[in-house]
Protein backbone atom coordinates (compact mmCIF):
# COMPACT_ATOMS: atom_id res chain seq x y z
CA UNK A 1 17.46 -23.22 17.69
CA UNK A 2 14.43 -21.77 15.89
CA UNK A 3 13.07 -18.34 16.72
CA UNK A 4 10.12 -18.42 19.12
CA UNK A 5 7.51 -15.67 19.20
CA UNK A 6 6.35 -14.17 22.44
CA UNK A 7 2.59 -14.37 23.16
CA UNK A 8 0.50 -11.91 21.11
CA UNK A 9 3.10 -11.64 18.33
CA UNK A 10 3.83 -13.22 14.98
CA UNK A 11 5.50 -12.74 11.62
CA UNK A 12 4.85 -13.42 7.94
CA UNK A 13 7.16 -13.72 4.94
CA UNK A 14 6.59 -13.83 1.21
CA UNK A 15 5.11 -17.18 0.14
CA UNK A 16 7.88 -18.68 -2.01
CA UNK A 17 5.68 -21.75 -2.70
CA UNK A 18 2.74 -19.78 -4.18
CA UNK A 19 1.64 -21.52 -7.39
CA UNK A 20 -1.98 -20.38 -7.81
CA UNK A 21 -3.90 -17.12 -7.31
CA UNK A 22 -5.82 -18.54 -4.35
CA UNK A 23 -2.60 -19.33 -2.41
CA UNK A 24 -1.73 -16.72 0.25
CA UNK A 25 0.75 -13.97 -0.62
CA UNK A 26 2.46 -14.28 2.77
CA UNK A 27 2.82 -17.15 5.27
CA UNK A 28 4.09 -17.32 8.81
CA UNK A 29 3.00 -18.05 12.33
CA UNK A 30 1.45 -16.31 15.31
CA UNK A 31 1.65 -16.99 19.05
CA UNK A 32 -1.72 -16.53 20.76
CA UNK A 33 -2.06 -15.20 24.33
CA UNK A 34 -2.18 -18.76 25.74
CA UNK A 35 1.17 -19.59 24.11
CA UNK A 36 -0.26 -21.78 21.31
CA UNK A 37 1.51 -21.22 17.97
CA UNK A 38 -0.71 -21.29 14.86
CA UNK A 39 -0.11 -20.97 11.12
CA UNK A 40 -0.88 -17.51 9.72
CA UNK A 41 -1.75 -16.66 6.10
CA UNK A 42 -1.99 -13.09 4.77
CA UNK A 43 -3.28 -11.99 1.37
CA UNK A 44 -3.31 -8.50 -0.11
CA UNK A 45 -6.68 -7.41 -1.54
CA UNK A 46 -8.45 -4.26 -2.73
CA UNK A 47 -11.84 -2.79 -1.88
CA UNK A 48 -14.31 -1.80 -4.59
CA UNK A 49 -12.99 1.77 -4.19
CA UNK A 50 -9.41 0.57 -4.82
CA UNK A 51 -8.07 0.84 -1.26
CA UNK A 52 -5.54 -1.86 -0.33
CA UNK A 53 -6.13 -4.06 2.72
CA UNK A 54 -4.81 -7.38 4.03
CA UNK A 55 -6.89 -10.47 4.82
CA UNK A 56 -5.61 -12.68 7.64
CA UNK A 57 -6.36 -16.32 8.34
CA UNK A 58 -5.22 -18.14 11.47
CA UNK A 59 -4.78 -21.84 10.74
CA UNK A 60 -4.29 -24.98 12.77
CA UNK A 61 -2.02 -25.14 15.79
CA UNK A 62 1.61 -25.92 14.85
CA UNK A 63 2.70 -27.56 18.10
CA UNK A 64 1.29 -28.10 21.55
CA UNK A 65 2.09 -25.25 23.91
CA UNK A 66 4.63 -26.12 26.58
CA UNK A 67 3.19 -25.79 30.06
CA UNK A 68 4.49 -22.86 32.06
CA UNK A 69 6.23 -24.02 35.22
CA UNK A 70 5.34 -22.19 38.40
CA UNK A 71 7.30 -22.04 41.61
CA UNK A 72 5.04 -22.98 44.52
CA UNK A 73 7.53 -22.27 47.28
CA UNK A 74 8.12 -25.93 48.17
CA UNK A 75 11.00 -26.55 45.75
CA UNK A 76 14.42 -24.86 45.71
CA UNK A 77 14.88 -21.83 43.48
CA UNK A 78 16.42 -22.57 40.05
CA UNK A 79 19.45 -20.32 40.55
């Protein structure tokens, strides 16, 4: 079973498929507050003064978010 992020969290790893300078340095995914999981790219850059910063880009949704089931009180409890 694959690891699943909780809402408002994500992770990136070194981009082992990077073949050109414009490809991101790191790739991963992020889970938005609504539960939708999107691709995440991160690239290291420098300001004109030489300070290091990271640029982030959230890409397309990876998979449709599963609906959250709610207990209404009419059905038996799941335990």
